[in-house]
Amino acid sequence: MTYHAIERAKERYGLDFTFRDINIIIRKINKGKAKLIFVSSNNCYIYRLRYSGILIEVVFSGKNIITFNPTTPRKKRIDKDYLEKQKRLRKKKRK
């Protein structure tokens, strides 16, 4: 638990975390209530979870939170063939 992580949470999410909040997040990670999204080569894990109604990304190593990453929205893959098929089906229904 570092002051750096608390400062980054304030900066990136506008949340005023206390050490109690940090401990709750660590418990959620340890209980498997966070989604693992990345593992780096130096034993750092990035988890995504919802805390206080906000989606957060936590960089976690060992038993400590290193920092909070800004959450990036997932890019939705658009299947163009599917969209074209839907358009053709709509045209057939109109006829």
PDB file of N, CA and C in Angstrom:
ATOM      1  N   MET A   1       0.848  -1.173   0.000  1.00  0.00           N
ATOM      2  CA  MET A   1       0.000   0.000   0.000  1.00  0.00           C
ATOM      3  C   MET A   1       0.892   1.234   0.000  1.00  0.00           C
ATOM      4  N   THR A   2       0.741   2.011  -1.010  1.00  0.00           N
ATOM      5  CA  THR A   2       1.580   3.194  -1.115  1.00  0.00           C
ATOM      6  C   THR A   2       0.728   4.443  -1.217  1.00  0.00           C
ATOM      7  N   TYR A   3       1.328   5.527  -0.858  1.00  0.00           N
ATOM      8  CA  TYR A   3       0.666   6.813  -1.025  1.00  0.00           C
ATOM      9  C   TYR A   3       0.541   7.153  -2.508  1.00  0.00           C
ATOM     10  N   HIS A   4       1.484   6.635  -3.292  1.00  0.00           N
ATOM     11  CA  HIS A   4       1.432   6.845  -4.742  1.00  0.00           C
ATOM     12  C   HIS A   4       0.117   6.318  -5.312  1.00  0.00           C
ATOM     13  N   ALA A   5      -0.290   5.132  -4.914  1.00  0.00           N
ATOM     14  CA  ALA A   5      -1.526   4.530  -5.413  1.00  0.00           C
ATOM     15  C   ALA A   5      -2.745   5.368  -5.012  1.00  0.00           C
ATOM     16  N   ILE A   6      -2.748   5.857  -3.795  1.00  0.00           N
ATOM     17  CA  ILE A   6      -3.862   6.693  -3.327  1.00  0.00           C
ATOM     18  C   ILE A   6      -3.925   7.988  -4.126  1.00  0.00           C
ATOM     19  N   GLU A   7      -2.767   8.578  -4.416  1.00  0.00           N
ATOM     20  CA  GLU A   7      -2.721   9.806  -5.212  1.00  0.00           C
ATOM     21  C   GLU A   7      -3.217   9.559  -6.634  1.00  0.00           C
ATOM     22  N   ARG A   8      -2.836   8.433  -7.219  1.00  0.00           N
ATOM     23  CA  ARG A   8      -3.268   8.118  -8.586  1.00  0.00           C
ATOM     24  C   ARG A   8      -4.769   7.855  -8.644  1.00  0.00           C
ATOM     25  N   ALA A   9      -5.323   7.241  -7.618  1.00  0.00           N
ATOM     26  CA  ALA A   9      -6.773   7.013  -7.583  1.00  0.00           C
ATOM     27  C   ALA A   9      -7.515   8.345  -7.555  1.00  0.00           C
ATOM     28  N   LYS A  10      -7.013   9.280  -6.792  1.00  0.00           N
ATOM     29  CA  LYS A  10      -7.617  10.618  -6.715  1.00  0.00           C
ATOM     30  C   LYS A  10      -7.514  11.319  -8.064  1.00  0.00           C
ATOM     31  N   GLU A  11      -6.330  11.225  -8.674  1.00  0.00           N
ATOM     32  CA  GLU A  11      -6.074  11.897  -9.946  1.00  0.00           C
ATOM     33  C   GLU A  11      -6.889  11.302 -11.087  1.00  0.00           C
ATOM     34  N   ARG A  12      -6.954   9.974 -11.152  1.00  0.00           N
ATOM     35  CA  ARG A  12      -7.545   9.320 -12.309  1.00  0.00           C
ATOM     36  C   ARG A  12      -9.025   9.027 -12.182  1.00  0.00           C
ATOM     37  N   TYR A  13      -9.509   8.843 -10.964  1.00  0.00           N
ATOM     38  CA  TYR A  13     -10.914   8.500 -10.774  1.00  0.00           C
ATOM     39  C   TYR A  13     -11.677   9.489  -9.910  1.00  0.00           C
ATOM     40  N   GLY A  14     -10.969  10.398  -9.277  1.00  0.00           N
ATOM     41  CA  GLY A  14     -11.627  11.349  -8.384  1.00  0.00           C
ATOM     42  C   GLY A  14     -12.074  10.721  -7.076  1.00  0.00           C
ATOM     43  N   LEU A  15     -11.455   9.598  -6.691  1.00  0.00           N
ATOM     44  CA  LEU A  15     -11.819   8.894  -5.464  1.00  0.00           C
ATOM     45  C   LEU A  15     -10.795   9.171  -4.369  1.00  0.00           C
ATOM     46  N   ASP A  16     -11.278   9.480  -3.186  1.00  0.00           N
ATOM     47  CA  ASP A  16     -10.401   9.677  -2.024  1.00  0.00           C
ATOM     48  C   ASP A  16     -10.312   8.360  -1.267  1.00  0.00           C
ATOM     49  N   PHE A  17      -9.355   7.519  -1.643  1.00  0.00           N
ATOM     50  CA  PHE A  17      -9.187   6.241  -0.977  1.00  0.00           C
ATOM     51  C   PHE A  17      -8.464   6.406   0.349  1.00  0.00           C
ATOM     52  N   THR A  18      -8.884   5.595   1.289  1.00  0.00           N
ATOM     53  CA  THR A  18      -8.160   5.476   2.552  1.00  0.00           C
ATOM     54  C   THR A  18      -7.470   4.112   2.524  1.00  0.00           C
ATOM     55  N   PHE A  19      -6.659   3.834   3.540  1.00  0.00           N
ATOM     56  CA  PHE A  19      -6.015   2.533   3.592  1.00  0.00           C
ATOM     57  C   PHE A  19      -7.046   1.419   3.785  1.00  0.00           C
ATOM     58  N   ARG A  20      -8.170   1.745   4.393  1.00  0.00           N
ATOM     59  CA  ARG A  20      -9.255   0.770   4.533  1.00  0.00           C
ATOM     60  C   ARG A  20      -9.801   0.389   3.162  1.00  0.00           C
ATOM     61  N   ASP A  21     -10.002   1.395   2.281  1.00  0.00           N
ATOM     62  CA  ASP A  21     -10.472   1.129   0.924  1.00  0.00           C
ATOM     63  C   ASP A  21      -9.470   0.263   0.159  1.00  0.00           C
ATOM     64  N   ILE A  22      -8.194   0.570   0.315  1.00  0.00           N
ATOM     65  CA  ILE A  22      -7.144  -0.198  -0.352  1.00  0.00           C
ATOM     66  C   ILE A  22      -7.199  -1.659   0.111  1.00  0.00           C
ATOM     67  N   ASN A  23      -7.373  -1.870   1.401  1.00  0.00           N
ATOM     68  CA  ASN A  23      -7.461  -3.243   1.931  1.00  0.00           C
ATOM     69  C   ASN A  23      -8.685  -3.978   1.388  1.00  0.00           C
ATOM     70  N   ILE A  24      -9.791  -3.286   1.225  1.00  0.00           N
ATOM     71  CA  ILE A  24     -10.994  -3.902   0.670  1.00  0.00           C
ATOM     72  C   ILE A  24     -10.738  -4.328  -0.776  1.00  0.00           C
ATOM     73  N   ILE A  25     -10.077  -3.481  -1.545  1.00  0.00           N
ATOM     74  CA  ILE A  25      -9.758  -3.803  -2.936  1.00  0.00           C
ATOM     75  C   ILE A  25      -8.828  -5.010  -3.000  1.00  0.00           C
ATOM     76  N   ILE A  26      -7.824  -5.053  -2.118  1.00  0.00           N
ATOM     77  CA  ILE A  26      -6.902  -6.188  -2.081  1.00  0.00           C
ATOM     78  C   ILE A  26      -7.655  -7.476  -1.750  1.00  0.00           C
ATOM     79  N   ARG A  27      -8.592  -7.407  -0.803  1.00  0.00           N
ATOM     80  CA  ARG A  27      -9.387  -8.593  -0.463  1.00  0.00           C
ATOM     81  C   ARG A  27     -10.234  -9.057  -1.642  1.00  0.00           C
ATOM     82  N   LYS A  28     -10.813  -8.104  -2.381  1.00  0.00           N
ATOM     83  CA  LYS A  28     -11.607  -8.469  -3.552  1.00  0.00           C
ATOM     84  C   LYS A  28     -10.744  -9.179  -4.592  1.00  0.00           C
ATOM     85  N   ILE A  29      -9.535  -8.683  -4.787  1.00  0.00           N
ATOM     86  CA  ILE A  29      -8.627  -9.319  -5.746  1.00  0.00           C
ATOM     87  C   ILE A  29      -8.283 -10.727  -5.283  1.00  0.00           C
ATOM     88  N   ASN A  30      -7.948 -10.859  -4.015  1.00  0.00           N
ATOM     89  CA  ASN A  30      -7.562 -12.175  -3.482  1.00  0.00           C
ATOM     90  C   ASN A  30      -8.718 -13.177  -3.496  1.00  0.00           C
ATOM     91  N   LYS A  31      -9.952 -12.696  -3.378  1.00  0.00           N
ATOM     92  CA  LYS A  31     -11.116 -13.583  -3.395  1.00  0.00           C
ATOM     93  C   LYS A  31     -11.576 -13.906  -4.810  1.00  0.00           C
ATOM     94  N   GLY A  32     -10.929 -13.321  -5.807  1.00  0.00           N
ATOM     95  CA  GLY A  32     -11.289 -13.599  -7.189  1.00  0.00           C
ATOM     96  C   GLY A  32     -12.452 -12.780  -7.711  1.00  0.00           C
ATOM     97  N   LYS A  33     -12.747 -11.656  -7.087  1.00  0.00           N
ATOM     98  CA  LYS A  33     -13.857 -10.819  -7.518  1.00  0.00           C
ATOM     99  C   LYS A  33     -13.420  -9.725  -8.491  1.00  0.00           C
ATOM    100  N   ALA A  34     -12.182  -9.826  -8.981  1.00  0.00           N
ATOM    101  CA  ALA A  34     -11.663  -8.891  -9.972  1.00  0.00           C
ATOM    102  C   ALA A  34     -11.230  -9.681 -11.191  1.00  0.00           C
ATOM    103  N   LYS A  35     -11.334  -9.061 -12.352  1.00  0.00           N
ATOM    104  CA  LYS A  35     -10.968  -9.742 -13.594  1.00  0.00           C
ATOM    105  C   LYS A  35      -9.512  -9.443 -13.929  1.00  0.00           C
ATOM    106  N   LEU A  36      -8.723 -10.496 -14.100  1.00  0.00           N
ATOM    107  CA  LEU A  36      -7.328 -10.344 -14.490  1.00  0.00           C
ATOM    108  C   LEU A  36      -7.288 -10.002 -15.971  1.00  0.00           C
ATOM    109  N   ILE A  37      -6.663  -8.863 -16.310  1.00  0.00           N
ATOM    110  CA  ILE A  37      -6.635  -8.464 -17.713  1.00  0.00           C
ATOM    111  C   ILE A  37      -5.231  -8.476 -18.305  1.00  0.00           C
ATOM    112  N   PHE A  38      -4.182  -8.491 -17.463  1.00  0.00           N
ATOM    113  CA  PHE A  38      -2.824  -8.485 -17.996  1.00  0.00           C
ATOM    114  C   PHE A  38      -1.844  -8.966 -16.937  1.00  0.00           C
ATOM    115  N   VAL A  39      -0.829  -9.724 -17.384  1.00  0.00           N
ATOM    116  CA  VAL A  39       0.259 -10.149 -16.506  1.00  0.00           C
ATOM    117  C   VAL A  39       1.554  -9.693 -17.159  1.00  0.00           C
ATOM    118  N   SER A  40       2.352  -8.921 -16.439  1.00  0.00           N
ATOM    119  CA  SER A  40       3.624  -8.473 -17.006  1.00  0.00           C
ATOM    120  C   SER A  40       4.743  -9.431 -16.599  1.00  0.00           C
ATOM    121  N   SER A  41       5.877  -9.247 -17.206  1.00  0.00           N
ATOM    122  CA  SER A  41       6.991 -10.163 -16.961  1.00  0.00           C
ATOM    123  C   SER A  41       7.628  -9.974 -15.584  1.00  0.00           C
ATOM    124  N   ASN A  42       7.404  -8.849 -14.946  1.00  0.00           N
ATOM    125  CA  ASN A  42       8.014  -8.613 -13.635  1.00  0.00           C
ATOM    126  C   ASN A  42       7.030  -8.838 -12.485  1.00  0.00           C
ATOM    127  N   ASN A  43       6.149  -9.836 -12.649  1.00  0.00           N
ATOM    128  CA  ASN A  43       5.200 -10.260 -11.614  1.00  0.00           C
ATOM    129  C   ASN A  43       4.225  -9.173 -11.183  1.00  0.00           C
ATOM    130  N   CYS A  44       3.858  -8.303 -12.090  1.00  0.00           N
ATOM    131  CA  CYS A  44       2.796  -7.338 -11.837  1.00  0.00           C
ATOM    132  C   CYS A  44       1.551  -7.800 -12.569  1.00  0.00           C
ATOM    133  N   TYR A  45       0.436  -7.704 -11.914  1.00  0.00           N
ATOM    134  CA  TYR A  45      -0.837  -8.126 -12.472  1.00  0.00           C
ATOM    135  C   TYR A  45      -1.749  -6.916 -12.554  1.00  0.00           C
ATOM    136  N   ILE A  46      -2.492  -6.812 -13.640  1.00  0.00           N
ATOM    137  CA  ILE A  46      -3.456  -5.729 -13.774  1.00  0.00           C
ATOM    138  C   ILE A  46      -4.842  -6.336 -13.715  1.00  0.00           C
ATOM    139  N   TYR A  47      -5.614  -5.862 -12.746  1.00  0.00           N
ATOM    140  CA  TYR A  47      -6.973  -6.336 -12.533  1.00  0.00           C
ATOM    141  C   TYR A  47      -7.951  -5.210 -12.824  1.00  0.00           C
ATOM    142  N   ARG A  48      -9.138  -5.598 -13.265  1.00  0.00           N
ATOM    143  CA  ARG A  48     -10.218  -4.637 -13.476  1.00  0.00           C
ATOM    144  C   ARG A  48     -11.367  -5.042 -12.576  1.00  0.00           C
ATOM    145  N   LEU A  49     -11.887  -4.083 -11.814  1.00  0.00           N
ATOM    146  CA  LEU A  49     -13.022  -4.354 -10.943  1.00  0.00           C
ATOM    147  C   LEU A  49     -13.815  -3.081 -10.717  1.00  0.00           C
ATOM    148  N   ARG A  50     -15.001  -3.250 -10.194  1.00  0.00           N
ATOM    149  CA  ARG A  50     -15.864  -2.113  -9.897  1.00  0.00           C
ATOM    150  C   ARG A  50     -15.813  -1.858  -8.395  1.00  0.00           C
ATOM    151  N   TYR A  51     -15.507  -0.595  -8.042  1.00  0.00           N
ATOM    152  CA  TYR A  51     -15.460  -0.213  -6.640  1.00  0.00           C
ATOM    153  C   TYR A  51     -16.128   1.147  -6.508  1.00  0.00           C
ATOM    154  N   SER A  52     -17.036   1.276  -5.593  1.00  0.00           N
ATOM    155  CA  SER A  52     -17.821   2.498  -5.390  1.00  0.00           C
ATOM    156  C   SER A  52     -18.529   2.927  -6.668  1.00  0.00           C
ATOM    157  N   GLY A  53     -18.942   1.938  -7.458  1.00  0.00           N
ATOM    158  CA  GLY A  53     -19.677   2.234  -8.672  1.00  0.00           C
ATOM    159  C   GLY A  53     -18.823   2.680  -9.842  1.00  0.00           C
ATOM    160  N   ILE A  54     -17.514   2.612  -9.700  1.00  0.00           N
ATOM    161  CA  ILE A  54     -16.602   3.063 -10.750  1.00  0.00           C
ATOM    162  C   ILE A  54     -15.712   1.901 -11.157  1.00  0.00           C
ATOM    163  N   LEU A  55     -15.538   1.727 -12.462  1.00  0.00           N
ATOM    164  CA  LEU A  55     -14.650   0.692 -12.984  1.00  0.00           C
ATOM    165  C   LEU A  55     -13.208   1.174 -12.838  1.00  0.00           C
ATOM    166  N   ILE A  56     -12.389   0.384 -12.129  1.00  0.00           N
ATOM    167  CA  ILE A  56     -11.004   0.772 -11.890  1.00  0.00           C
ATOM    168  C   ILE A  56     -10.061  -0.328 -12.365  1.00  0.00           C
ATOM    169  N   GLU A  57      -8.837   0.078 -12.707  1.00  0.00           N
ATOM    170  CA  GLU A  57      -7.784  -0.868 -13.064  1.00  0.00           C
ATOM    171  C   GLU A  57      -6.681  -0.757 -12.027  1.00  0.00           C
ATOM    172  N   VAL A  58      -6.358  -1.890 -11.428  1.00  0.00           N
ATOM    173  CA  VAL A  58      -5.401  -1.932 -10.328  1.00  0.00           C
ATOM    174  C   VAL A  58      -4.154  -2.676 -10.778  1.00  0.00           C
ATOM    175  N   VAL A  59      -2.985  -2.071 -10.563  1.00  0.00           N
ATOM    176  CA  VAL A  59      -1.722  -2.769 -10.786  1.00  0.00           C
ATOM    177  C   VAL A  59      -1.324  -3.352  -9.439  1.00  0.00           C
ATOM    178  N   PHE A  60      -1.223  -4.678  -9.403  1.00  0.00           N
ATOM    179  CA  PHE A  60      -1.075  -5.417  -8.156  1.00  0.00           C
ATOM    180  C   PHE A  60       0.161  -6.287  -8.235  1.00  0.00           C
ATOM    181  N   SER A  61       0.970  -6.289  -7.179  1.00  0.00           N
ATOM    182  CA  SER A  61       2.161  -7.136  -7.142  1.00  0.00           C
ATOM    183  C   SER A  61       2.317  -7.682  -5.734  1.00  0.00           C
ATOM    184  N   GLY A  62       2.402  -9.001  -5.636  1.00  0.00           N
ATOM    185  CA  GLY A  62       2.543  -9.611  -4.314  1.00  0.00           C
ATOM    186  C   GLY A  62       1.314  -9.372  -3.481  1.00  0.00           C
ATOM    187  N   LYS A  63       1.463  -8.588  -2.443  1.00  0.00           N
ATOM    188  CA  LYS A  63       0.336  -8.255  -1.569  1.00  0.00           C
ATOM    189  C   LYS A  63       0.020  -6.769  -1.582  1.00  0.00           C
ATOM    190  N   ASN A  64       0.602  -6.036  -2.532  1.00  0.00           N
ATOM    191  CA  ASN A  64       0.458  -4.577  -2.544  1.00  0.00           C
ATOM    192  C   ASN A  64      -0.131  -4.064  -3.850  1.00  0.00           C
ATOM    193  N   ILE A  65      -0.837  -2.961  -3.740  1.00  0.00           N
ATOM    194  CA  ILE A  65      -1.288  -2.237  -4.915  1.00  0.00           C
ATOM    195  C   ILE A  65      -0.185  -1.256  -5.274  1.00  0.00           C
ATOM    196  N   ILE A  66       0.280  -1.350  -6.504  1.00  0.00           N
ATOM    197  CA  ILE A  66       1.352  -0.472  -6.959  1.00  0.00           C
ATOM    198  C   ILE A  66       0.794   0.870  -7.397  1.00  0.00           C
ATOM    199  N   THR A  67      -0.208   0.831  -8.269  1.00  0.00           N
ATOM    200  CA  THR A  67      -0.823   2.057  -8.758  1.00  0.00           C
ATOM    201  C   THR A  67      -2.190   1.735  -9.344  1.00  0.00           C
ATOM    202  N   PHE A  68      -2.886   2.762  -9.770  1.00  0.00           N
ATOM    203  CA  PHE A  68      -4.161   2.623 -10.467  1.00  0.00           C
ATOM    204  C   PHE A  68      -3.974   3.167 -11.870  1.00  0.00           C
ATOM    205  N   ASN A  69      -4.291   2.355 -12.873  1.00  0.00           N
ATOM    206  CA  ASN A  69      -4.212   2.803 -14.260  1.00  0.00           C
ATOM    207  C   ASN A  69      -5.508   3.479 -14.645  1.00  0.00           C
ATOM    208  N   PRO A  70      -5.442   4.406 -15.588  1.00  0.00           N
ATOM    209  CA  PRO A  70      -6.701   4.943 -16.115  1.00  0.00           C
ATOM    210  C   PRO A  70      -7.409   3.853 -16.900  1.00  0.00           C
ATOM    211  N   THR A  71      -8.701   3.744 -16.748  1.00  0.00           N
ATOM    212  CA  THR A  71      -9.437   2.704 -17.473  1.00  0.00           C
ATOM    213  C   THR A  71      -9.642   3.159 -18.900  1.00  0.00           C
ATOM    214  N   THR A  72      -9.393   2.251 -19.800  1.00  0.00           N
ATOM    215  CA  THR A  72      -9.597   2.530 -21.213  1.00  0.00           C
ATOM    216  C   THR A  72     -10.796   1.728 -21.676  1.00  0.00           C
ATOM    217  N   PRO A  73     -11.701   2.353 -22.397  1.00  0.00           N
ATOM    218  CA  PRO A  73     -12.867   1.606 -22.852  1.00  0.00           C
ATOM    219  C   PRO A  73     -12.461   0.529 -23.845  1.00  0.00           C
ATOM    220  N   ARG A  74     -13.138  -0.583 -23.767  1.00  0.00           N
ATOM    221  CA  ARG A  74     -12.867  -1.666 -24.700  1.00  0.00           C
ATOM    222  C   ARG A  74     -13.404  -1.293 -26.070  1.00  0.00           C
ATOM    223  N   LYS A  75     -12.633  -1.597 -27.096  1.00  0.00           N
ATOM    224  CA  LYS A  75     -13.094  -1.341 -28.450  1.00  0.00           C
ATOM    225  C   LYS A  75     -13.978  -2.500 -28.888  1.00  0.00           C
ATOM    226  N   LYS A  76     -15.153  -2.162 -29.348  1.00  0.00           N
ATOM    227  CA  LYS A  76     -16.071  -3.187 -29.821  1.00  0.00           C
ATOM    228  C   LYS A  76     -15.726  -3.517 -31.265  1.00  0.00           C
ATOM    229  N   ARG A  77     -15.637  -4.790 -31.530  1.00  0.00           N
ATOM    230  CA  ARG A  77     -15.358  -5.239 -32.878  1.00  0.00           C
ATOM    231  C   ARG A  77     -16.659  -5.261 -33.661  1.00  0.00           C
ATOM    232  N   ILE A  78     -16.653  -4.602 -34.793  1.00  0.00           N
ATOM    233  CA  ILE A  78     -17.857  -4.543 -35.614  1.00  0.00           C
ATOM    234  C   ILE A  78     -17.718  -5.553 -36.736  1.00  0.00           C
ATOM    235  N   ASP A  79     -18.688  -6.426 -36.826  1.00  0.00           N
ATOM    236  CA  ASP A  79     -18.710  -7.427 -37.875  1.00  0.00           C
ATOM    237  C   ASP A  79     -19.487  -6.845 -39.056  1.00  0.00           C
ATOM    238  N   LYS A  80     -18.759  -6.395 -40.074  1.00  0.00           N
ATOM    239  CA  LYS A  80     -19.394  -5.741 -41.219  1.00  0.00           C
ATOM    240  C   LYS A  80     -20.284  -6.699 -41.992  1.00  0.00           C
ATOM    241  N   ASP A  81     -19.875  -7.953 -42.110  1.00  0.00           N
ATOM    242  CA  ASP A  81     -20.698  -8.930 -42.816  1.00  0.00           C
ATOM    243  C   ASP A  81     -22.042  -9.117 -42.130  1.00  0.00           C
ATOM    244  N   TYR A  82     -22.042  -9.136 -40.813  1.00  0.00           N
ATOM    245  CA  TYR A  82     -23.274  -9.274 -40.050  1.00  0.00           C
ATOM    246  C   TYR A  82     -24.194  -8.080 -40.301  1.00  0.00           C
ATOM    247  N   LEU A  83     -23.627  -6.877 -40.316  1.00  0.00           N
ATOM    248  CA  LEU A  83     -24.436  -5.684 -40.543  1.00  0.00           C
ATOM    249  C   LEU A  83     -25.048  -5.694 -41.943  1.00  0.00           C
ATOM    250  N   GLU A  84     -24.267  -6.117 -42.929  1.00  0.00           N
ATOM    251  CA  GLU A  84     -24.787  -6.200 -44.295  1.00  0.00           C
ATOM    252  C   GLU A  84     -25.918  -7.229 -44.385  1.00  0.00           C
ATOM    253  N   LYS A  85     -25.757  -8.348 -43.706  1.00  0.00           N
ATOM    254  CA  LYS A  85     -26.783  -9.386 -43.701  1.00  0.00           C
ATOM    255  C   LYS A  85     -28.072  -8.853 -43.081  1.00  0.00           C
ATOM    256  N   GLN A  86     -27.956  -8.099 -41.985  1.00  0.00           N
ATOM    257  CA  GLN A  86     -29.132  -7.528 -41.330  1.00  0.00           C
ATOM    258  C   GLN A  86     -29.852  -6.554 -42.258  1.00  0.00           C
ATOM    259  N   LYS A  87     -29.088  -5.766 -43.024  1.00  0.00           N
ATOM    260  CA  LYS A  87     -29.702  -4.831 -43.964  1.00  0.00           C
ATOM    261  C   LYS A  87     -30.465  -5.579 -45.057  1.00  0.00           C
ATOM    262  N   ARG A  88     -29.875  -6.648 -45.589  1.00  0.00           N
ATOM    263  CA  ARG A  88     -30.543  -7.441 -46.620  1.00  0.00           C
ATOM    264  C   ARG A  88     -31.831  -8.056 -46.088  1.00  0.00           C
ATOM    265  N   LEU A  89     -31.793  -8.566 -44.863  1.00  0.00           N
ATOM    266  CA  LEU A  89     -32.982  -9.174 -44.264  1.00  0.00           C
ATOM    267  C   LEU A  89     -34.090  -8.139 -44.063  1.00  0.00           C
ATOM    268  N   ARG A  90     -33.736  -6.940 -43.673  1.00  0.00           N
ATOM    269  CA  ARG A  90     -34.748  -5.869 -43.494  1.00  0.00           C
ATOM    270  C   ARG A  90     -35.389  -5.517 -44.821  1.00  0.00           C
ATOM    271  N   LYS A  91     -34.570  -5.476 -45.885  1.00  0.00           N
ATOM    272  CA  LYS A  91     -35.112  -5.143 -47.219  1.00  0.00           C
ATOM    273  C   LYS A  91     -36.081  -6.224 -47.666  1.00  0.00           C
ATOM    274  N   LYS A  92     -35.749  -7.494 -47.415  1.00  0.00           N
ATOM    275  CA  LYS A  92     -36.638  -8.592 -47.817  1.00  0.00           C
ATOM    276  C   LYS A  92     -37.969  -8.521 -47.076  1.00  0.00           C
ATOM    277  N   LYS A  93     -37.948  -8.127 -45.803  1.00  0.00           N
ATOM    278  CA  LYS A  93     -39.181  -8.047 -45.024  1.00  0.00           C
ATOM    279  C   LYS A  93     -40.090  -6.938 -45.557  1.00  0.00           C
ATOM    280  N   ARG A  94     -39.511  -5.867 -46.057  1.00  0.00           N
ATOM    281  CA  ARG A  94     -40.311  -4.747 -46.556  1.00  0.00           C
ATOM    282  C   ARG A  94     -41.045  -5.092 -47.855  1.00  0.00           C
ATOM    283  N   LYS A  95     -40.488  -5.996 -48.651  1.00  0.00           N
ATOM    284  CA  LYS A  95     -41.084  -6.346 -49.944  1.00  0.00           C
ATOM    285  C   LYS A  95     -42.311  -7.180 -49.823  1.00  0.00           C
TER     286      LYS A  95
END
